Protein backbone atom coordinates (compact mmCIF):
# COMPACT_ATOMS: atom_id res chain seq x y z
CA MET A 1 -4.79 -30.92 58.74
CA LEU A 2 -2.30 -30.90 55.86
CA LYS A 3 -3.54 -32.00 52.46
CA ASN A 4 -1.51 -34.51 50.51
CA ARG A 5 0.28 -32.79 47.67
CA ALA A 6 0.98 -34.51 44.40
CA PRO A 7 4.67 -35.09 43.71
CA VAL A 8 6.36 -32.44 41.59
CA TRP A 9 6.86 -34.88 38.72
CA VAL A 10 3.12 -35.55 38.60
CA ASN A 11 2.35 -31.83 38.19
CA THR A 12 5.12 -31.49 35.63
CA ARG A 13 3.73 -34.37 33.58
CA ARG A 14 0.21 -32.96 33.85
CA GLN A 15 1.40 -29.55 32.63
CA ALA A 16 3.24 -31.17 29.73
CA ARG A 17 0.11 -33.06 28.69
CA GLN A 18 -1.93 -29.86 28.89
CA ALA A 19 0.64 -27.99 26.80
CA ARG A 20 0.52 -30.72 24.16
CA TRP A 21 -3.25 -30.68 24.14
CA ASN A 22 -3.21 -26.88 23.68
CA ALA A 23 -0.75 -27.12 20.79
CA ASP A 24 -2.77 -29.85 19.07
CA ALA A 25 -6.02 -27.91 19.50
CA HIS A 26 -4.42 -24.75 18.11
CA LEU A 27 -3.03 -26.51 15.04
CA ARG A 28 -6.27 -28.41 14.32
CA ALA A 29 -8.71 -25.56 14.89
CA HIS A 30 -9.06 -24.81 11.16
CA GLU A 31 -8.36 -28.17 9.54
CA ARG A 32 -10.76 -30.13 7.36
CA SER A 33 -10.73 -33.27 5.24
CA VAL A 34 -13.12 -33.72 2.32
CA GLN A 35 -13.69 -37.01 0.51
CA ILE A 36 -14.06 -36.33 -3.22
CA GLY A 37 -13.95 -39.83 -4.73
CA GLU A 38 -14.39 -38.58 -8.30
CA GLN A 39 -12.08 -38.61 -11.31
CA ALA A 40 -8.44 -38.48 -10.19
CA ILE A 41 -9.09 -37.12 -6.69
CA ILE A 42 -9.63 -39.30 -3.63
CA ARG A 43 -9.43 -36.81 -0.77
CA VAL A 44 -8.44 -33.25 0.04
CA ASP A 45 -6.86 -32.14 3.33
CA THR A 46 -6.64 -28.47 4.30
CA CYS A 47 -5.36 -26.54 7.29
CA GLN A 48 -4.71 -22.91 8.09
CA LEU A 49 -2.88 -21.06 10.86
CA ALA A 50 -3.08 -17.31 11.38
CA ALA A 51 -0.21 -14.96 12.15
CA ASN A 52 -1.95 -11.73 11.16
CA ARG A 53 -5.03 -10.33 12.88
CA PRO A 54 -7.21 -10.48 10.94
CA ILE A 55 -5.78 -13.31 8.88
CA GLU A 56 -4.80 -12.33 5.33
CA ASP A 57 -4.71 -15.88 3.89
CA PHE A 58 -7.76 -17.58 2.40
CA TYR A 59 -8.37 -20.83 0.55
CA SER A 60 -11.23 -22.18 -1.58
CA ALA A 61 -12.35 -25.24 -3.51
CA ALA A 62 -15.11 -25.57 -6.09
CA LYS A 63 -16.31 -27.66 -9.01
CA CYS A 64 -17.26 -26.31 -12.41
CA THR A 65 -20.57 -28.00 -13.18
CA SER A 66 -20.17 -27.40 -16.92
CA SER A 67 -16.77 -29.07 -17.47
CA SER A 68 -16.62 -31.12 -14.23
CA ALA A 69 -13.22 -29.55 -13.49
CA TYR A 70 -12.17 -29.18 -9.86
CA LEU A 71 -10.65 -25.91 -8.66
CA PHE A 72 -8.46 -25.50 -5.59
CA GLY A 73 -6.69 -22.31 -4.57
CA VAL A 74 -4.76 -20.54 -1.82
CA PHE A 75 -4.76 -16.75 -1.68
CA ASP A 76 -2.10 -14.84 0.24
CA GLY A 77 -3.07 -11.25 1.02
CA HIS A 78 -0.88 -8.28 1.87
CA GLY A 79 -1.72 -4.75 2.92
CA GLY A 80 -4.92 -6.08 4.50
CA SER A 81 -7.34 -8.95 3.95
CA TYR A 82 -9.79 -7.21 1.60
CA CYS A 83 -8.29 -8.30 -1.73
CA SER A 84 -7.40 -11.91 -0.82
CA ARG A 85 -10.85 -12.50 0.67
CA TYR A 86 -12.50 -11.06 -2.44
CA VAL A 87 -10.36 -13.02 -4.91
CA SER A 88 -10.91 -16.28 -2.98
CA THR A 89 -14.67 -15.91 -3.48
CA LYS A 90 -14.80 -14.35 -6.97
CA LEU A 91 -12.05 -15.94 -9.08
CA PHE A 92 -13.60 -19.39 -9.51
CA PRO A 93 -16.85 -18.04 -11.04
CA TYR A 94 -14.68 -16.31 -13.68
CA ILE A 95 -12.80 -19.55 -14.41
CA SER A 96 -16.12 -21.44 -14.55
CA ALA A 97 -17.35 -18.90 -17.10
CA ALA A 98 -14.34 -19.67 -19.32
CA VAL A 99 -15.08 -23.28 -20.27
CA LEU A 100 -13.79 -24.39 -23.65
CA ARG A 101 -16.50 -25.67 -25.99
CA LYS A 102 -14.86 -29.07 -26.32
CA HIS A 103 -14.83 -29.47 -22.52
CA ALA A 104 -18.44 -28.45 -21.88
CA GLU A 105 -20.23 -31.63 -20.82
CA LYS A 106 -23.58 -29.89 -20.43
CA GLU A 107 -25.13 -26.44 -20.70
CA VAL A 108 -25.33 -24.77 -17.29
CA PRO A 109 -26.45 -21.18 -16.54
CA LEU A 110 -23.54 -18.92 -15.59
CA GLU A 111 -24.81 -18.33 -12.06
CA LYS A 112 -24.88 -22.11 -11.41
CA ARG A 113 -21.58 -23.11 -12.96
CA CYS A 114 -19.51 -22.72 -9.79
CA GLU A 115 -20.41 -25.30 -7.15
CA TRP A 116 -18.57 -24.52 -3.92
CA LEU A 117 -16.97 -27.39 -1.99
CA PHE A 118 -15.45 -25.38 0.85
CA SER A 119 -13.79 -22.07 1.59
CA SER A 120 -12.22 -20.28 4.53
CA ALA A 121 -14.18 -17.18 3.48
CA ASP A 122 -17.88 -16.66 2.95
CA GLN A 123 -18.56 -17.47 -0.71
CA HIS A 124 -21.49 -15.06 -0.57
CA ILE A 125 -19.30 -12.24 0.65
CA HIS A 126 -21.48 -9.46 1.98
CA LEU A 127 -21.40 -6.77 -0.68
CA PRO A 128 -23.78 -3.86 -1.13
CA THR A 129 -26.62 -4.72 -3.52
CA GLN A 130 -25.15 -2.46 -6.20
CA LEU A 131 -21.76 -4.22 -6.07
CA GLN A 132 -23.40 -7.66 -6.18
CA GLY A 133 -25.15 -6.59 -9.38
CA GLU A 134 -21.87 -5.26 -10.80
CA HIS A 135 -20.13 -8.55 -10.07
CA ARG A 136 -22.85 -10.53 -11.91
CA ASN A 137 -22.62 -8.11 -14.83
CA ASN A 138 -18.82 -8.48 -14.86
CA ILE A 139 -19.14 -12.27 -15.12
CA ARG A 140 -21.66 -11.99 -17.96
CA ARG A 141 -19.48 -9.47 -19.79
CA PHE A 142 -16.40 -11.64 -19.40
CA HIS A 143 -18.30 -14.71 -20.61
CA SER A 144 -19.53 -12.84 -23.69
CA ASP A 145 -16.00 -11.65 -24.48
CA PHE A 146 -14.68 -15.16 -23.98
CA ILE A 147 -17.25 -16.60 -26.42
CA GLU A 148 -16.33 -13.97 -29.02
CA LYS A 149 -12.62 -14.75 -28.65
CA HIS A 150 -12.97 -18.56 -28.50
CA ASN A 151 -10.60 -18.96 -31.46
CA GLU A 152 -7.88 -17.03 -29.60
CA LEU A 153 -8.63 -18.53 -26.17
CA SER A 154 -8.52 -22.14 -27.34
CA THR A 155 -6.61 -23.76 -24.45
CA VAL A 156 -7.20 -24.12 -20.73
CA ARG A 157 -4.02 -22.14 -20.12
CA LYS A 158 -5.30 -19.15 -22.06
CA ALA A 159 -8.79 -19.43 -20.55
CA VAL A 160 -7.44 -19.41 -16.98
CA GLN A 161 -5.13 -16.51 -17.77
CA ALA A 162 -8.06 -14.57 -19.23
CA ALA A 163 -10.10 -15.20 -16.05
CA PHE A 164 -7.31 -13.94 -13.77
CA VAL A 165 -6.74 -10.79 -15.81
CA ALA A 166 -10.47 -10.05 -16.15
CA LEU A 167 -11.04 -10.27 -12.39
CA ASP A 168 -8.08 -8.00 -11.70
CA ASP A 169 -9.30 -5.46 -14.26
CA ASP A 170 -12.76 -5.50 -12.66
CA ILE A 171 -11.29 -5.01 -9.17
CA SER A 172 -9.54 -1.91 -10.49
CA LYS A 173 -12.59 -0.56 -12.37
CA GLU A 174 -14.94 -0.99 -9.39
CA ALA A 175 -12.67 1.28 -7.32
CA LEU A 176 -12.90 4.18 -9.78
CA PRO A 177 -15.12 7.20 -9.03
CA ASP A 178 -18.69 6.91 -10.33
CA MET A 179 -20.51 9.44 -12.50
CA LYS A 180 -20.97 11.66 -9.44
CA GLY A 181 -17.31 11.48 -8.51
CA GLN A 182 -18.00 9.25 -5.50
CA VAL A 183 -15.76 6.31 -4.58
CA ASP A 184 -17.03 3.11 -2.97
CA ARG A 185 -14.85 2.66 0.10
CA LEU A 186 -14.97 -1.17 0.16
CA SER A 187 -14.03 -1.40 -3.51
CA ALA A 188 -11.17 1.05 -3.00
CA LEU A 189 -9.82 -0.89 -0.01
CA THR A 190 -10.02 -4.12 -2.03
CA ALA A 191 -8.09 -2.57 -4.91
CA ALA A 192 -5.51 -0.93 -2.64
CA SER A 193 -4.63 -4.17 -0.85
CA GLY A 194 -3.21 -7.11 -2.78
CA SER A 195 -3.29 -10.87 -3.12
CA CYS A 196 -1.13 -13.64 -4.52
CA ALA A 197 -2.89 -16.74 -5.82
CA THR A 198 -1.95 -20.34 -6.56
CA VAL A 199 -4.74 -22.33 -8.23
CA ALA A 200 -4.99 -25.94 -9.39
CA HIS A 201 -7.44 -26.76 -12.21
CA ILE A 202 -7.98 -30.54 -12.39
CA ARG A 203 -10.18 -32.04 -15.12
CA LYS A 204 -9.97 -35.82 -15.17
CA ARG A 205 -6.20 -36.41 -15.33
CA HIS A 206 -5.34 -33.00 -16.77
CA LEU A 207 -3.69 -30.72 -14.21
CA HIS A 208 -3.08 -27.01 -14.74
CA VAL A 209 -1.45 -24.91 -12.03
CA ALA A 210 -1.78 -21.13 -12.27
CA ASN A 211 0.38 -18.90 -10.10
CA VAL A 212 0.54 -15.19 -9.39
CA GLY A 213 3.00 -14.08 -6.71
CA ASP A 214 5.03 -16.06 -4.19
CA GLY A 215 2.85 -19.14 -3.50
CA ALA A 216 3.82 -22.56 -4.84
CA ALA A 217 2.51 -25.97 -5.86
CA VAL A 218 4.53 -29.18 -5.59
CA LEU A 219 3.72 -32.60 -7.02
CA GLY A 220 4.71 -35.74 -5.12
CA VAL A 221 5.97 -38.36 -7.60
CA SER A 222 6.70 -41.94 -6.52
CA SER A 223 9.91 -43.66 -7.59
CA ALA A 224 10.77 -47.28 -8.31
CA ASN A 225 12.52 -47.70 -4.94
CA GLY A 226 9.36 -46.83 -3.02
CA GLY A 227 10.41 -43.27 -2.27
CA VAL A 228 8.97 -40.00 -3.52
CA SER A 229 10.42 -36.95 -5.26
CA ALA A 230 9.24 -33.38 -5.60
CA ARG A 231 8.29 -31.71 -8.86
CA GLN A 232 7.84 -27.97 -8.49
CA LEU A 233 5.05 -26.69 -10.73
CA GLY A 234 6.15 -23.16 -11.54
CA LEU A 235 8.35 -20.47 -10.03
CA ALA A 236 7.49 -17.77 -7.51
CA HIS A 237 7.30 -14.21 -8.82
CA CYS A 238 9.81 -12.50 -6.56
CA TRP A 239 13.34 -11.10 -6.54
CA ASP A 240 14.86 -14.61 -6.76
CA ASN A 241 13.20 -15.11 -10.16
CA ALA A 242 15.79 -13.52 -12.46
CA GLU A 243 13.60 -13.82 -15.56
CA GLU A 244 10.72 -12.01 -13.84
CA VAL A 245 13.00 -9.23 -12.62
CA ALA A 246 14.50 -8.78 -16.09
CA GLY A 247 11.04 -8.68 -17.67
CA ILE A 248 9.88 -5.88 -15.35
CA ARG A 249 13.06 -3.88 -15.92
CA ALA A 250 12.61 -4.20 -19.69
CA MET A 251 9.16 -2.55 -19.51
CA HIS A 252 10.48 0.65 -17.91
CA PRO A 253 13.03 3.34 -18.78
CA VAL A 254 16.70 2.87 -17.94
CA SER A 255 16.41 6.01 -15.83
CA GLU A 256 14.47 3.95 -13.27
CA SER A 257 17.11 1.24 -12.98
CA GLN A 258 18.15 2.39 -9.50
CA THR A 259 14.64 2.80 -8.09
CA ILE A 260 12.50 0.08 -9.64
CA PHE A 261 14.00 -2.51 -7.27
CA GLN A 262 15.40 -1.70 -3.87
CA GLY A 263 16.23 -4.29 -1.24
CA GLY A 264 14.71 -7.03 -3.44
CA ARG A 265 11.32 -5.30 -3.45
CA LEU A 266 9.34 -3.56 -6.18
CA LEU A 267 9.82 0.21 -5.76
CA GLY A 268 11.45 -0.67 -2.44
CA GLU A 269 8.10 -1.84 -0.99
CA LEU A 270 6.41 -4.89 -2.49
CA PHE A 271 7.89 -8.42 -2.28
CA PRO A 272 5.67 -10.35 -4.77
CA LEU A 273 6.19 -9.16 -8.35
CA ARG A 274 2.73 -10.18 -9.60
CA ALA A 275 -0.51 -9.78 -7.69
CA PHE A 276 -4.22 -9.03 -7.80
CA GLY A 277 -5.17 -5.55 -6.63
CA ASP A 278 -2.21 -3.44 -5.48
CA VAL A 279 -3.33 -0.56 -7.67
CA ARG A 280 -0.74 1.63 -5.95
CA TYR A 281 1.70 0.01 -8.40
CA LYS A 282 -0.69 0.07 -11.38
CA TRP A 283 -2.43 3.45 -11.38
CA PRO A 284 -0.94 6.85 -12.28
CA ARG A 285 -0.20 9.17 -9.37
CA GLU A 286 -2.99 11.60 -10.28
CA LEU A 287 -5.69 8.92 -10.00
CA GLN A 288 -4.25 7.68 -6.71
CA LYS A 289 -4.55 11.17 -5.23
CA VAL A 290 -8.28 11.08 -5.89
CA VAL A 291 -9.08 7.49 -4.80
CA LEU A 292 -6.38 6.24 -2.45
CA GLU A 293 -4.91 9.20 -0.60
CA PRO A 294 -8.23 9.93 1.20
CA LEU A 295 -7.96 6.37 2.57
CA GLY A 296 -4.49 7.07 3.94
CA SER A 297 -2.73 5.14 1.17
CA PRO A 298 -0.29 7.42 -0.69
CA ALA A 299 1.45 6.44 -3.91
CA PRO A 300 4.90 4.80 -3.70
CA THR A 301 7.72 7.33 -3.55
CA HIS A 302 9.44 6.06 -6.70
CA LEU A 303 6.29 5.67 -8.83
CA GLN A 304 7.04 7.09 -12.30
CA THR A 305 5.81 4.90 -15.19
CA PRO A 306 3.05 2.57 -13.96
CA PRO A 307 1.92 -0.14 -14.25
CA TYR A 308 4.75 -2.10 -12.65
CA LEU A 309 2.58 -5.02 -11.60
CA ARG A 310 0.18 -7.43 -13.31
CA ALA A 311 -2.05 -10.39 -12.42
CA LEU A 312 -1.30 -12.52 -15.49
CA PRO A 313 -0.52 -16.01 -14.12
CA ASP A 314 2.07 -18.45 -15.29
CA VAL A 315 0.12 -21.64 -16.07
CA LEU A 316 1.89 -25.01 -16.14
CA TYR A 317 0.25 -28.15 -17.54
CA HIS A 318 0.90 -31.70 -16.36
CA LYS A 319 -0.88 -34.90 -17.33
CA LEU A 320 -1.29 -37.07 -14.24
CA THR A 321 0.33 -40.52 -14.37
CA VAL A 322 0.28 -43.57 -12.13
CA ASN A 323 3.38 -42.23 -10.35
CA ASP A 324 1.72 -38.97 -9.27
CA ARG A 325 0.57 -39.41 -5.68
CA PHE A 326 -0.46 -35.98 -4.41
CA LEU A 327 -0.32 -32.23 -4.97
CA VAL A 328 0.53 -29.69 -2.26
CA ILE A 329 -0.61 -26.07 -2.72
CA ALA A 330 0.47 -23.60 -0.07
CA THR A 331 1.06 -19.94 0.62
CA ASP A 332 4.61 -18.76 1.22
CA GLY A 333 4.10 -19.05 4.98
CA LEU A 334 4.80 -22.79 4.60
CA TRP A 335 7.67 -22.51 2.10
CA GLU A 336 9.53 -20.12 4.43
CA TRP A 337 10.02 -23.10 6.77
CA LEU A 338 10.12 -26.17 4.52
CA ASP A 339 11.57 -26.85 1.07
CA ALA A 340 9.72 -28.85 -1.58
CA ASP A 341 11.68 -32.08 -1.01
CA THR A 342 10.94 -32.04 2.72
CA VAL A 343 7.26 -31.34 2.12
CA VAL A 344 6.74 -34.30 -0.21
CA ARG A 345 8.70 -36.59 2.11
CA LEU A 346 6.49 -35.53 5.04
CA VAL A 347 3.30 -36.15 3.04
CA HIS A 348 4.61 -39.53 1.84
CA ASP A 349 5.54 -40.59 5.37
CA HIS A 350 2.18 -39.39 6.68
CA THR A 351 0.36 -41.44 4.04
CA LEU A 352 2.34 -44.57 4.92
CA GLY A 353 1.79 -44.03 8.65
CA ALA A 354 -1.91 -43.25 8.31
CA MET A 355 -2.36 -46.40 6.23
CA THR A 356 -1.43 -48.57 9.22
CA LEU A 357 -4.26 -47.06 11.29
CA GLN A 358 -6.90 -48.52 8.93
CA PRO A 359 -7.80 -52.23 8.49
CA TYR A 360 -6.24 -53.73 5.37
CA LYS A 361 -8.78 -54.44 2.62
CA PRO A 362 -7.36 -55.78 -0.68
CA ARG A 363 -8.75 -54.08 -3.78
CA SER A 364 -10.97 -56.09 -6.07
CA GLY A 365 -8.86 -58.22 -8.42
CA THR A 366 -5.71 -58.00 -6.27
CA ASN A 367 -3.50 -61.09 -6.60
CA LEU A 368 -1.38 -62.65 -3.85
CA GLY A 369 1.80 -60.90 -4.99
CA GLN A 370 0.11 -57.48 -4.79
CA VAL A 371 -1.27 -58.33 -1.34
CA MET A 372 2.25 -59.19 -0.09
CA SER A 373 3.58 -55.94 -1.59
CA ASP A 374 0.84 -53.93 0.13
CA LEU A 375 1.60 -55.58 3.48
CA ARG A 376 5.32 -54.84 3.14
CA GLU A 377 4.52 -51.19 2.46
CA ARG A 378 2.25 -51.06 5.52
CA ARG A 379 5.04 -52.57 7.61
CA ARG A 380 7.42 -49.81 6.48
CA GLY A 381 4.89 -47.23 7.60
CA ASP A 382 4.21 -48.81 11.00
CA HIS A 383 6.86 -46.69 12.73
CA LYS A 384 5.60 -43.52 11.03
CA LYS A 385 2.14 -43.37 12.59
CA PRO A 386 1.28 -39.66 12.55
CA ILE A 387 -0.03 -37.54 15.40
CA ASP A 388 -2.49 -35.86 13.02
CA ASP A 389 -5.06 -37.54 10.78
CA ASN A 390 -5.01 -34.47 8.54
CA CYS A 391 -2.01 -34.30 6.22
CA ALA A 392 -2.07 -30.49 5.91
CA THR A 393 -1.98 -30.16 9.69
CA HIS A 394 0.94 -32.61 9.71
CA LEU A 395 2.86 -30.24 7.41
CA ILE A 396 2.21 -27.15 9.54
CA ARG A 397 3.21 -29.08 12.67
CA HIS A 398 6.59 -29.94 11.16
CA ALA A 399 7.05 -26.50 9.64
CA LEU A 400 6.84 -24.82 13.04
CA GLY A 401 7.95 -27.69 15.29
CA GLY A 402 10.81 -28.82 13.10
CA VAL A 403 11.62 -32.11 11.42
CA LEU A 404 14.56 -33.05 13.66
CA GLY A 405 14.52 -34.35 17.21
CA GLY A 406 11.86 -36.28 19.04
CA THR A 407 8.24 -35.54 19.83
CA LYS A 408 9.15 -33.78 23.09
CA GLU A 409 11.47 -31.31 21.36
CA GLN A 410 8.90 -30.70 18.62
CA TYR A 411 6.18 -29.83 21.14
CA GLN A 412 8.56 -27.49 22.96
CA ARG A 413 9.22 -25.57 19.76
CA LEU A 414 5.52 -25.56 18.88
CA ASN A 415 4.50 -24.20 22.27
CA ASP A 416 7.12 -21.47 22.06
CA ILE A 417 5.85 -20.22 18.70
CA LEU A 418 2.11 -20.84 19.15
CA GLN A 419 1.85 -18.96 22.41
CA VAL A 420 2.53 -15.72 20.53
CA PRO A 421 -0.96 -14.38 19.65
CA PRO A 422 -2.03 -13.47 16.09
CA GLY A 423 -0.89 -9.96 15.29
CA MET A 424 2.28 -10.18 17.36
CA ALA A 425 3.03 -13.53 15.70
CA ARG A 426 3.52 -11.76 12.34
CA SER A 427 6.92 -10.61 13.62
CA TYR A 428 8.03 -14.26 13.66
CA ARG A 429 6.07 -15.99 10.91
CA ASP A 430 3.43 -15.49 8.23
CA ASP A 431 -0.10 -16.86 7.84
CA ILE A 432 0.03 -20.45 6.57
CA SER A 433 -2.57 -22.08 4.32
CA VAL A 434 -2.10 -25.60 2.94
CA ILE A 435 -4.15 -27.81 0.61
CA VAL A 436 -3.07 -31.42 -0.03
CA ILE A 437 -4.86 -33.20 -2.90
CA HIS A 438 -4.51 -37.00 -2.88
CA PHE A 439 -4.78 -38.73 -6.25
CA ASP A 440 -6.46 -42.05 -7.08
CA GLU A 441 -3.78 -44.45 -8.30
CA ASN A 442 -6.36 -46.73 -9.91
CA TYR A 443 -7.97 -43.91 -11.90
CA VAL A 444 -4.75 -42.39 -13.27
CA SER A 445 -3.43 -45.85 -14.24
CA GLN A 446 -6.37 -46.54 -16.55
CA PRO A 447 -5.98 -45.83 -20.29
CA CYS A 448 -7.50 -42.56 -21.51
CA ASP A 449 -10.69 -42.65 -23.52
CA GLU A 450 -11.02 -40.56 -26.68
CA HIS A 451 -13.06 -37.81 -24.97
CA GLU A 452 -10.52 -37.42 -22.17
CA MET A 453 -7.60 -37.07 -24.61
CA ASN A 454 -9.14 -33.75 -25.65
């Protein structure tokens, strides 16, 4: 007896639904949303998608319990995941140890100053007991130096820069041979690999963005016509940054002018021009022969007058206003696909669309005119209802699926690119890590008190 077969179109539709479900599950596997509801921050959305195996991107968020500053960062590794994983778990304790006296709201022991909110890496990264002790000693030493130099390090910008540089110096020192001439393999691998970093330091309505390497942070600023514009907070440290290139050239002899940059890369190898780790571009050749060559990591061919690389961040300050809606921090895996204007438009549209999914509740004290304005804004967003609740996932979806065409075409592009497994996928795209920080319009519209103005 013949069994009834489903029509071809039924199977085709079923396969299409399954493909969409697979794409959605893949994109959302590492997303998270965290309600903050303090100071200027309402909510934080994050998402991450691997291209490397293992992934070389990491992200973290923490709160400094001494100053009540919030810290958010994305860390883009290269040459392995050792350095980016380490920096994502160790940088914030350094920053928390560098609190200005005028910003210290209460005295908190060093080991309890960094309160983790979330991280894609284990904050208690498994280190040998000896290295754990060295890390604690490094923090104490840095804190003591910071206290001694408080007159020099009198701004958040200088404090954050000092924290970045101190961590990078300690990464390098921990990889050196000990008194017996022995090298710790994990420390050497961490120092040999590298990491970019883009970090947001938010204390009340004071925003500082620190950047090392090719990541970026973009502020979404609302306009009078109801739209939104992008404000880029800093420049990437790469070949396209003419000032950075000129600065590196100026620190080395003219005789190296033909070898210091080749093909837009440092010594013909490295794309980011500032980074943590990467001691192959910082150490003399003789030291590298002792520490790195046994690990299979020879010095760059054109290495002559190191260091060529540093981890000193550019730090940009911005005071949040009522027009500042959100901040997007992402590794270069996102910016390879989307420009800043497109990113802020996507976040703005997502916010409008997501608004229509929730019941309307007027804020306390809202008058009839404001209610009508809110309802008009919700009506504009009705046709922009997003597929994803998470704004960071929404960005990655449009980065890989495209911003043009309908939903069907977007899923086709997504399926094509997501079916390539991590490892092989690196030939087509990079790891992507995104953090979207949503600001509280009511908080940033209030007048500053005297304490906050400091």
